[in-house]
Amino acid sequence: MSTGWSLYVILLVVVSLVGCAWLLWVNRTASVDDVGQGEPLPSEHDGIVELNHPLPAWWSWLFVVTLVFAALYLVAYPGMGAFRGLLGWSSQGQYEAEVEQAEGLYGPIFAGYAAQPIPALVDDDRAVGMGQRLFLNHCATCHGSDARGGRGYPNLTDGDWLYGGAPEQIVASITHGRVGVMPPLGAALGGDPGVQAMAQYVLSLSGREHDAALAAQAAPQFATLCAVCHEPDGRGKQAMGAPNLTDDVWLHGGRLADIEQQIHLGRINQMPAHRDLLSPEKIHLLAAYVYGLSTAPDGVP
């Protein structure tokens, strides 16, 4: 906070406190001319008459105590511009102290699980429960609380993995994140007719109903433009995050219109890295939970 803004805030706070004290004093000593104490005031609203009484002493003193407390609080804690308070408290400092306390309490537990291989943790109910809580806090926003994902977000309970489902691959995905890029191919395919033909070829790869003539027309272009990522047989390449086009899993929709849009406009997907959010030990537990989802029956560890 700049010096100018700091002085502005301090002035605003001081004027507010002084103004409240002045308002209390004025109302405590004010009187109405020609009206005795306890007599009705001239004003009347809807039959309600106000009597001429001073403020109750207990209310006035409560107001005074409030003002004194506010002044002492602003001396002890931040609130007066850049002044940090005599106690030196800050929300960041409190957060760091609580994190340090939590690490001291739970760190050995996470370290113990980190020493065990991920497949072994799948059968540990406590480890699975801790991994699930990490998942709900950090992953459920995109993948859903049941980890089944949604349009544009992978289902983590099946056996289909863009970057591989081995324990070390899951750890790498969580730690470093992933960025998937499919370039737009509309222009390279010659516009809409080429895109439509390529979409028919993609449908043929997964055995779906398609136009055989258009698919045959696009086959050479697939080998030239698409096979470098999706492989010549369309089964994809996990090292690049290129999806398998021969199954019935469609991350961004499997309708003909969806496929044509993907081919024409391309796609950029990103999973954020969690290395700055979670310790390696927590990532290990989280990866064990995700690994268990895809290996257990019905995706329930």
Protein backbone atom coordinates (compact mmCIF):
# COMPACT_ATOMS: atom_id res chain seq x y z
CA MET A 1 0.00 0.00 0.00
CA SER A 2 1.39 3.38 -1.00
CA THR A 3 2.00 6.12 1.58
CA GLY A 4 -0.80 8.24 0.14
CA TRP A 5 -3.39 5.48 0.38
CA SER A 6 -2.15 4.56 3.86
CA LEU A 7 -2.64 8.11 5.09
CA TYR A 8 -6.07 8.24 3.45
CA VAL A 9 -7.18 5.06 5.26
CA ILE A 10 -5.81 6.29 8.60
CA LEU A 11 -7.61 9.62 8.20
CA LEU A 12 -10.84 7.85 7.27
CA VAL A 13 -10.68 5.57 10.32
CA VAL A 14 -9.83 8.39 12.74
CA VAL A 15 -12.58 10.66 11.38
CA SER A 16 -15.07 7.78 11.67
CA LEU A 17 -14.20 7.12 15.32
CA VAL A 18 -14.21 10.81 16.22
CA GLY A 19 -17.49 11.27 14.37
CA CYS A 20 -19.11 8.43 16.31
CA ALA A 21 -17.89 9.92 19.61
CA TRP A 22 -19.24 13.36 18.61
CA LEU A 23 -22.59 11.85 17.64
CA LEU A 24 -22.83 10.13 21.03
CA TRP A 25 -21.98 13.36 22.89
CA VAL A 26 -24.48 15.44 20.96
CA ASN A 27 -27.30 13.01 21.53
CA ARG A 28 -26.39 12.52 25.18
CA THR A 29 -26.55 16.26 25.98
CA ALA A 30 -29.17 17.42 23.48
CA SER A 31 -32.48 18.80 24.70
CA VAL A 32 -35.66 20.04 23.05
CA ASP A 33 -36.63 23.66 23.70
CA ASP A 34 -39.86 24.28 25.60
CA VAL A 35 -40.33 20.54 26.30
CA GLY A 36 -39.73 19.23 29.78
CA GLN A 37 -38.06 15.94 30.51
CA GLY A 38 -40.52 13.12 30.12
CA GLU A 39 -43.02 15.23 28.19
CA PRO A 40 -44.18 14.42 24.63
CA LEU A 41 -42.20 15.88 21.74
CA PRO A 42 -44.07 17.89 19.11
CA SER A 43 -43.57 15.28 16.40
CA GLU A 44 -46.11 12.48 16.09
CA HIS A 45 -46.23 9.73 13.46
CA ASP A 46 -49.16 7.35 13.03
CA GLY A 47 -50.26 7.97 16.59
CA ILE A 48 -46.83 7.20 18.03
CA VAL A 49 -45.57 9.86 20.43
CA GLU A 50 -41.92 10.18 21.45
CA LEU A 51 -41.12 11.39 24.97
CA ASN A 52 -38.27 13.75 25.75
CA HIS A 53 -35.80 11.42 27.51
CA PRO A 54 -31.99 11.40 27.35
CA LEU A 55 -30.18 8.30 26.10
CA PRO A 56 -30.01 5.54 28.76
CA ALA A 57 -26.73 5.61 30.64
CA TRP A 58 -26.06 1.90 30.01
CA TRP A 59 -26.46 2.40 26.26
CA SER A 60 -24.13 5.41 26.26
CA TRP A 61 -21.44 3.55 28.20
CA LEU A 62 -21.79 0.53 25.92
CA PHE A 63 -21.15 2.85 22.99
CA VAL A 64 -18.10 4.27 24.79
CA VAL A 65 -16.75 0.77 25.46
CA THR A 66 -17.22 -0.07 21.78
CA LEU A 67 -15.24 3.00 20.71
CA VAL A 68 -12.44 2.24 23.19
CA PHE A 69 -12.30 -1.37 22.00
CA ALA A 70 -12.10 -0.22 18.38
CA ALA A 71 -9.19 2.10 19.18
CA LEU A 72 -7.29 -0.60 21.09
CA TYR A 73 -7.95 -3.13 18.32
CA LEU A 74 -6.55 -0.78 15.67
CA VAL A 75 -3.43 -0.30 17.77
CA ALA A 76 -2.90 -4.04 18.23
CA TYR A 77 -3.96 -5.33 14.77
CA PRO A 78 -3.75 -4.10 11.16
CA GLY A 79 -6.45 -1.66 10.12
CA MET A 80 -4.76 1.74 10.04
CA GLY A 81 -3.37 1.83 6.51
CA ALA A 82 0.10 0.31 6.28
CA PHE A 83 0.46 0.11 10.09
CA ARG A 84 0.79 -3.61 10.89
CA GLY A 85 -0.25 -3.36 14.54
CA LEU A 86 1.84 -3.81 17.67
CA LEU A 87 1.15 -7.57 17.79
CA GLY A 88 2.46 -8.08 14.25
CA TRP A 89 -0.47 -10.32 13.28
CA SER A 90 -1.30 -11.07 9.64
CA SER A 91 -3.62 -13.52 7.95
CA GLN A 92 -0.66 -14.86 5.95
CA GLY A 93 1.32 -15.43 9.13
CA GLN A 94 -1.57 -17.22 10.78
CA TYR A 95 -2.07 -19.39 7.70
CA GLU A 96 1.61 -20.33 7.59
CA ALA A 97 1.60 -21.17 11.29
CA GLU A 98 -1.45 -23.41 10.87
CA VAL A 99 0.11 -25.10 7.84
CA GLU A 100 3.30 -25.72 9.79
CA GLN A 101 1.30 -27.18 12.66
CA ALA A 102 -0.65 -29.42 10.28
CA GLU A 103 2.54 -30.58 8.56
CA GLY A 104 4.03 -31.51 11.90
CA LEU A 105 0.92 -33.50 12.77
CA TYR A 106 0.15 -35.17 9.43
CA GLY A 107 3.54 -35.08 7.70
CA PRO A 108 4.74 -38.40 9.17
CA ILE A 109 1.50 -40.07 8.04
CA PHE A 110 1.92 -38.88 4.44
CA ALA A 111 5.61 -39.80 4.51
CA GLY A 112 4.74 -43.32 5.63
CA TYR A 113 2.36 -43.82 2.73
CA ALA A 114 4.84 -42.24 0.28
CA ALA A 115 7.29 -45.03 1.11
CA GLN A 116 4.81 -47.63 -0.14
CA PRO A 117 4.21 -48.42 -3.82
CA ILE A 118 0.99 -47.03 -5.26
CA PRO A 119 -0.60 -50.42 -6.12
CA ALA A 120 -0.21 -51.49 -2.48
CA LEU A 121 -2.15 -48.44 -1.26
CA VAL A 122 -5.25 -49.34 -3.29
CA ASP A 123 -6.18 -51.93 -0.66
CA ASP A 124 -5.53 -49.61 2.30
CA ASP A 125 -8.88 -48.09 3.26
CA ARG A 126 -7.30 -45.26 5.22
CA ALA A 127 -4.98 -44.32 2.35
CA VAL A 128 -7.88 -44.47 -0.10
CA GLY A 129 -9.96 -42.22 2.16
CA MET A 130 -7.17 -39.65 2.40
CA GLY A 131 -6.64 -39.77 -1.35
CA GLN A 132 -10.36 -39.32 -1.93
CA ARG A 133 -10.43 -36.18 0.23
CA LEU A 134 -7.50 -34.78 -1.74
CA PHE A 135 -9.36 -35.59 -4.95
CA LEU A 136 -12.55 -33.89 -3.80
CA ASN A 137 -10.62 -30.76 -2.81
CA HIS A 138 -8.42 -30.45 -5.88
CA CYS A 139 -9.86 -32.50 -8.76
CA ALA A 140 -13.62 -32.87 -8.41
CA THR A 141 -14.32 -29.44 -9.89
CA CYS A 142 -13.31 -30.76 -13.32
CA HIS A 143 -13.59 -34.53 -13.06
CA GLY A 144 -16.72 -34.62 -10.89
CA SER A 145 -17.08 -35.98 -7.37
CA ASP A 146 -17.50 -39.49 -8.83
CA ALA A 147 -14.43 -38.98 -11.09
CA ARG A 148 -16.47 -39.85 -14.18
CA GLY A 149 -15.67 -36.52 -15.80
CA GLY A 150 -17.83 -34.85 -18.40
CA ARG A 151 -17.57 -33.25 -21.80
CA GLY A 152 -13.96 -32.14 -22.15
CA TYR A 153 -12.90 -33.73 -18.84
CA PRO A 154 -11.65 -37.34 -18.84
CA ASN A 155 -13.43 -40.15 -17.06
CA LEU A 156 -10.92 -41.51 -14.54
CA THR A 157 -12.87 -44.66 -13.71
CA ASP A 158 -12.45 -46.45 -17.04
CA GLY A 159 -9.35 -47.89 -18.68
CA ASP A 160 -8.94 -45.21 -21.33
CA TRP A 161 -5.92 -42.98 -20.66
CA LEU A 162 -4.65 -40.20 -22.89
CA TYR A 163 -1.20 -40.16 -21.25
CA GLY A 164 -1.14 -43.61 -19.69
CA GLY A 165 -2.64 -45.13 -16.58
CA ALA A 166 0.46 -46.61 -14.94
CA PRO A 167 1.20 -45.26 -11.44
CA GLU A 168 4.22 -43.24 -12.56
CA GLN A 169 2.28 -41.75 -15.48
CA ILE A 170 -0.57 -40.67 -13.20
CA VAL A 171 1.93 -39.08 -10.81
CA ALA A 172 3.51 -37.22 -13.73
CA SER A 173 0.12 -35.97 -14.94
CA ILE A 174 -0.83 -34.65 -11.50
CA THR A 175 2.58 -33.17 -10.78
CA HIS A 176 3.36 -31.42 -14.06
CA GLY A 177 -0.09 -31.11 -15.63
CA ARG A 178 -0.81 -31.77 -19.29
CA VAL A 179 -1.36 -29.61 -22.35
CA GLY A 180 -3.05 -31.31 -25.30
CA VAL A 181 -3.09 -29.58 -28.66
CA MET A 182 -4.84 -30.69 -31.83
CA PRO A 183 -4.22 -28.27 -34.70
CA PRO A 184 -7.12 -27.03 -36.83
CA LEU A 185 -7.16 -28.99 -40.10
CA GLY A 186 -10.03 -27.33 -41.93
CA ALA A 187 -7.79 -25.42 -44.33
CA ALA A 188 -5.36 -28.31 -44.84
CA LEU A 189 -8.26 -30.58 -45.80
CA GLY A 190 -9.66 -28.12 -48.30
CA GLY A 191 -12.57 -26.77 -46.29
CA ASP A 192 -15.89 -28.36 -45.39
CA PRO A 193 -15.89 -31.18 -48.00
CA GLY A 194 -12.51 -32.45 -46.79
CA VAL A 195 -13.54 -32.13 -43.14
CA GLN A 196 -16.73 -34.10 -43.77
CA ALA A 197 -14.80 -36.85 -45.54
CA MET A 198 -12.26 -37.06 -42.71
CA ALA A 199 -15.04 -37.28 -40.15
CA GLN A 200 -16.46 -40.27 -42.04
CA TYR A 201 -13.03 -41.90 -41.95
CA VAL A 202 -12.78 -41.34 -38.20
CA LEU A 203 -16.21 -42.95 -37.78
CA SER A 204 -14.97 -45.95 -39.74
CA LEU A 205 -12.04 -46.43 -37.37
CA SER A 206 -14.37 -47.20 -34.48
CA GLY A 207 -16.67 -49.37 -36.57
CA ARG A 208 -19.54 -46.92 -36.59
CA GLU A 209 -21.95 -46.35 -39.43
CA HIS A 210 -20.25 -44.20 -42.06
CA ASP A 211 -20.07 -43.27 -45.73
CA ALA A 212 -17.52 -45.71 -47.16
CA ALA A 213 -16.83 -43.64 -50.27
CA LEU A 214 -16.03 -40.49 -48.30
CA ALA A 215 -13.96 -42.48 -45.81
CA ALA A 216 -11.88 -43.97 -48.60
CA GLN A 217 -11.38 -40.50 -50.03
CA ALA A 218 -9.94 -39.25 -46.71
CA ALA A 219 -7.71 -42.25 -45.96
CA PRO A 220 -4.59 -40.86 -47.70
CA GLN A 221 -4.98 -37.52 -45.95
CA PHE A 222 -5.28 -39.28 -42.57
CA ALA A 223 -1.98 -41.02 -43.23
CA THR A 224 -0.38 -37.69 -44.13
CA LEU A 225 -1.90 -35.31 -41.58
CA CYS A 226 -3.16 -37.37 -38.65
CA ALA A 227 -1.15 -40.59 -38.36
CA VAL A 228 1.87 -38.83 -36.84
CA CYS A 229 -0.16 -38.34 -33.64
CA HIS A 230 -2.95 -40.92 -33.84
CA GLU A 231 -0.76 -43.63 -35.45
CA PRO A 232 -1.60 -45.17 -38.84
CA ASP A 233 -4.15 -47.51 -37.26
CA GLY A 234 -5.81 -44.68 -35.30
CA ARG A 235 -5.03 -46.13 -31.89
CA GLY A 236 -3.39 -42.96 -30.67
CA LYS A 237 -0.08 -42.22 -29.01
CA GLN A 238 0.03 -41.80 -25.22
CA ALA A 239 3.40 -40.06 -25.32
CA MET A 240 1.66 -37.17 -27.08
CA GLY A 241 -1.75 -37.49 -25.44
CA ALA A 242 -3.32 -38.30 -28.82
CA PRO A 243 -6.56 -40.22 -28.24
CA ASN A 244 -7.42 -43.67 -29.52
CA LEU A 245 -9.91 -43.21 -32.35
CA THR A 246 -10.81 -46.90 -32.60
CA ASP A 247 -12.78 -47.17 -29.36
CA ASP A 248 -16.06 -45.58 -28.32
CA VAL A 249 -14.63 -43.00 -25.89
CA TRP A 250 -15.14 -39.41 -27.04
CA LEU A 251 -13.80 -36.72 -24.76
CA HIS A 252 -15.45 -33.84 -26.60
CA GLY A 253 -18.48 -35.65 -27.99
CA GLY A 254 -18.86 -38.46 -30.50
CA ARG A 255 -21.62 -37.09 -32.72
CA LEU A 256 -20.76 -36.47 -36.34
CA ALA A 257 -21.08 -32.71 -35.81
CA ASP A 258 -18.72 -32.91 -32.80
CA ILE A 259 -16.09 -34.80 -34.79
CA GLU A 260 -16.31 -32.39 -37.70
CA GLN A 261 -15.90 -29.44 -35.35
CA GLN A 262 -12.83 -31.03 -33.76
CA ILE A 263 -11.22 -31.62 -37.13
CA HIS A 264 -12.08 -28.20 -38.49
CA LEU A 265 -11.24 -25.99 -35.49
CA GLY A 266 -8.79 -28.13 -33.53
CA ARG A 267 -8.63 -28.17 -29.74
CA ILE A 268 -6.41 -27.04 -26.87
CA ASN A 269 -6.88 -28.75 -23.50
CA GLN A 270 -4.93 -28.11 -20.33
CA MET A 271 -4.76 -29.83 -16.99
CA PRO A 272 -3.02 -27.56 -14.45
CA ALA A 273 0.12 -28.71 -12.67
CA HIS A 274 -0.32 -29.44 -8.97
CA ARG A 275 3.32 -29.47 -7.89
CA ASP A 276 2.93 -26.04 -6.29
CA LEU A 277 -0.33 -27.00 -4.59
CA LEU A 278 0.44 -30.44 -3.22
CA SER A 279 3.56 -32.02 -1.76
CA PRO A 280 5.02 -35.11 -3.46
CA GLU A 281 3.68 -37.22 -0.60
CA LYS A 282 0.13 -35.96 -1.13
CA ILE A 283 0.42 -36.42 -4.89
CA HIS A 284 1.49 -40.01 -4.22
CA LEU A 285 -1.70 -40.63 -2.21
CA LEU A 286 -3.87 -38.85 -4.75
CA ALA A 287 -2.36 -40.90 -7.57
CA ALA A 288 -3.07 -44.08 -5.61
CA TYR A 289 -6.74 -43.08 -5.32
CA VAL A 290 -7.00 -42.33 -9.05
CA TYR A 291 -5.16 -45.53 -9.93
CA GLY A 292 -7.60 -47.49 -7.78
CA LEU A 293 -10.59 -45.94 -9.52
CA SER A 294 -9.55 -47.35 -12.88
CA THR A 295 -8.54 -50.79 -11.64
CA ALA A 296 -11.40 -51.59 -9.26
CA PRO A 297 -14.76 -53.00 -10.41
CA ASP A 298 -17.15 -50.24 -11.51
CA GLY A 299 -14.53 -47.64 -10.68
CA VAL A 300 -15.12 -47.91 -6.92
CA PRO A 301 -12.01 -48.84 -4.89
